[in-house]
C-alpha atoms as a PDB file:
ATOM      1  CA  UNK A   1      95.444 101.837 115.772  1.00  0.00           C
ATOM      2  CA  UNK A   2      94.424 105.324 114.763  1.00  0.00           C
ATOM      3  CA  UNK A   3      90.853 106.548 114.673  1.00  0.00           C
ATOM      4  CA  UNK A   4      90.951 106.757 110.877  1.00  0.00           C
ATOM      5  CA  UNK A   5      91.864 103.073 110.600  1.00  0.00           C
ATOM      6  CA  UNK A   6      89.060 102.149 112.984  1.00  0.00           C
ATOM      7  CA  UNK A   7      86.609 104.027 110.756  1.00  0.00           C
ATOM      8  CA  UNK A   8      88.104 102.332 107.674  1.00  0.00           C
ATOM      9  CA  UNK A   9      87.515  98.938 109.306  1.00  0.00           C
ATOM     10  CA  UNK A  10      83.933  99.936 110.126  1.00  0.00           C
ATOM     11  CA  UNK A  11      83.489 101.042 106.502  1.00  0.00           C
ATOM     12  CA  UNK A  12      84.710  97.622 105.330  1.00  0.00           C
ATOM     13  CA  UNK A  13      82.382  95.858 107.769  1.00  0.00           C
ATOM     14  CA  UNK A  14      79.449  97.965 106.547  1.00  0.00           C
ATOM     15  CA  UNK A  15      80.340  97.177 102.928  1.00  0.00           C
ATOM     16  CA  UNK A  16      80.438  93.463 103.743  1.00  0.00           C
ATOM     17  CA  UNK A  17      77.043  93.602 105.443  1.00  0.00           C
ATOM     18  CA  UNK A  18      75.581  95.454 102.453  1.00  0.00           C
ATOM     19  CA  UNK A  19      77.013  92.826 100.096  1.00  0.00           C
ATOM     20  CA  UNK A  20      75.246  90.105 102.068  1.00  0.00           C
ATOM     21  CA  UNK A  21      71.911  91.917 101.770  1.00  0.00           C
ATOM     22  CA  UNK A  22      69.439  91.969  98.893  1.00  0.00           C
ATOM     23  CA  UNK A  23      70.814  93.006  95.524  1.00  0.00           C
ATOM     24  CA  UNK A  24      68.349  95.868  95.067  1.00  0.00           C
ATOM     25  CA  UNK A  25      70.355  97.770  97.722  1.00  0.00           C
ATOM     26  CA  UNK A  26      73.773  97.273  96.133  1.00  0.00           C
ATOM     27  CA  UNK A  27      73.972 100.246  93.753  1.00  0.00           C
ATOM     28  CA  UNK A  28      72.426 102.874  96.066  1.00  0.00           C
ATOM     29  CA  UNK A  29      74.622 101.597  98.879  1.00  0.00           C
ATOM     30  CA  UNK A  30      77.681 101.644  96.608  1.00  0.00           C
ATOM     31  CA  UNK A  31      77.098 105.337  95.976  1.00  0.00           C
ATOM     32  CA  UNK A  32      76.920 106.000  99.719  1.00  0.00           C
ATOM     33  CA  UNK A  33      80.051 103.919 100.320  1.00  0.00           C
ATOM     34  CA  UNK A  34      81.938 105.877  97.661  1.00  0.00           C
ATOM     35  CA  UNK A  35      80.835 109.220  99.125  1.00  0.00           C
ATOM     36  CA  UNK A  36      81.947 108.106 102.592  1.00  0.00           C
ATOM     37  CA  UNK A  37      85.060 106.282 101.413  1.00  0.00           C
ATOM     38  CA  UNK A  38      86.808 109.045  99.470  1.00  0.00           C
ATOM     39  CA  UNK A  39      87.289 111.442 102.404  1.00  0.00           C
ATOM     40  CA  UNK A  40      87.989 108.481 104.685  1.00  0.00           C
ATOM     41  CA  UNK A  41      90.772 107.371 102.345  1.00  0.00           C
ATOM     42  CA  UNK A  42      92.265 110.865 102.449  1.00  0.00           C
ATOM     43  CA  UNK A  43      92.114 110.854 106.241  1.00  0.00           C
ATOM     44  CA  UNK A  44      93.758 107.425 106.484  1.00  0.00           C
ATOM     45  CA  UNK A  45      96.507 108.507 104.094  1.00  0.00           C
ATOM     46  CA  UNK A  46      97.075 111.755 105.999  1.00  0.00           C
ATOM     47  CA  UNK A  47      97.331 110.044 109.398  1.00  0.00           C
ATOM     48  CA  UNK A  48      99.105 106.813 108.440  1.00  0.00           C
ATOM     49  CA  UNK A  49     101.078 107.543 105.298  1.00  0.00           C
ATOM     50  CA  UNK A  50     100.837 106.640 101.632  1.00  0.00           C
ATOM     51  CA  UNK A  51     101.601 102.919 102.006  1.00  0.00           C
ATOM     52  CA  UNK A  52      98.678 102.352 104.374  1.00  0.00           C
ATOM     53  CA  UNK A  53      96.563 104.626 102.190  1.00  0.00           C
ATOM     54  CA  UNK A  54      97.304 102.470  99.152  1.00  0.00           C
ATOM     55  CA  UNK A  55      96.409  99.326 101.112  1.00  0.00           C
ATOM     56  CA  UNK A  56      93.082 100.855 102.162  1.00  0.00           C
ATOM     57  CA  UNK A  57      92.505 101.960  98.552  1.00  0.00           C
ATOM     58  CA  UNK A  58      93.141  98.393  97.356  1.00  0.00           C
ATOM     59  CA  UNK A  59      90.673  97.101  99.935  1.00  0.00           C
ATOM     60  CA  UNK A  60      88.062  99.617  98.834  1.00  0.00           C
ATOM     61  CA  UNK A  61      88.546  98.740  95.178  1.00  0.00           C
ATOM     62  CA  UNK A  62      88.176  95.043  95.955  1.00  0.00           C
ATOM     63  CA  UNK A  63      84.852  95.750  97.654  1.00  0.00           C
ATOM     64  CA  UNK A  64      83.572  98.199  95.027  1.00  0.00           C
ATOM     65  CA  UNK A  65      85.049  96.521  91.970  1.00  0.00           C
ATOM     66  CA  UNK A  66      82.019  96.921  89.666  1.00  0.00           C
ATOM     67  CA  UNK A  67      81.736 100.698  90.005  1.00  0.00           C
ATOM     68  CA  UNK A  68      85.488 100.900  89.304  1.00  0.00           C
ATOM     69  CA  UNK A  69      85.165  98.626  86.270  1.00  0.00           C
ATOM     70  CA  UNK A  70      82.302 100.746  84.886  1.00  0.00           C
ATOM     71  CA  UNK A  71      84.321 103.908  85.537  1.00  0.00           C
ATOM     72  CA  UNK A  72      87.281 102.601  83.526  1.00  0.00           C
ATOM     73  CA  UNK A  73      85.000 101.392  80.737  1.00  0.00           C
ATOM     74  CA  UNK A  74      83.436 104.848  80.519  1.00  0.00           C
ATOM     75  CA  UNK A  75      86.798 106.596  80.540  1.00  0.00           C
ATOM     76  CA  UNK A  76      88.177 104.279  77.889  1.00  0.00           C
ATOM     77  CA  UNK A  77      85.127 104.808  75.650  1.00  0.00           C
ATOM     78  CA  UNK A  78      85.338 108.607  75.772  1.00  0.00           C
ATOM     79  CA  UNK A  79      88.572 108.794  73.815  1.00  0.00           C
ATOM     80  CA  UNK A  80      87.285 106.734  70.908  1.00  0.00           C
ATOM     81  CA  UNK A  81      85.918 108.204  67.749  1.00  0.00           C
ATOM     82  CA  UNK A  82      82.435 107.095  66.704  1.00  0.00           C
ATOM     83  CA  UNK A  83      82.330 104.378  64.080  1.00  0.00           C
ATOM     84  CA  UNK A  84      81.694 105.636  60.572  1.00  0.00           C
END
């Protein structure tokens, strides 16, 4: 197992521990997880290939599903014209 995959597993463990904690920590912790996870995903993809990178991306999206849902809602709402 490469060092990048070990760090990805530690990231997932940290995300799980944060999810168990009090809900007031979820959104600030989600921001930290996103900031740490994006370069980690690039590193995993670089060292292990795109298939493993996509699997790690799917795992990250399953953990951080609400920020992803809000992102897609915001992107979908930007293209709409205001109601008249």
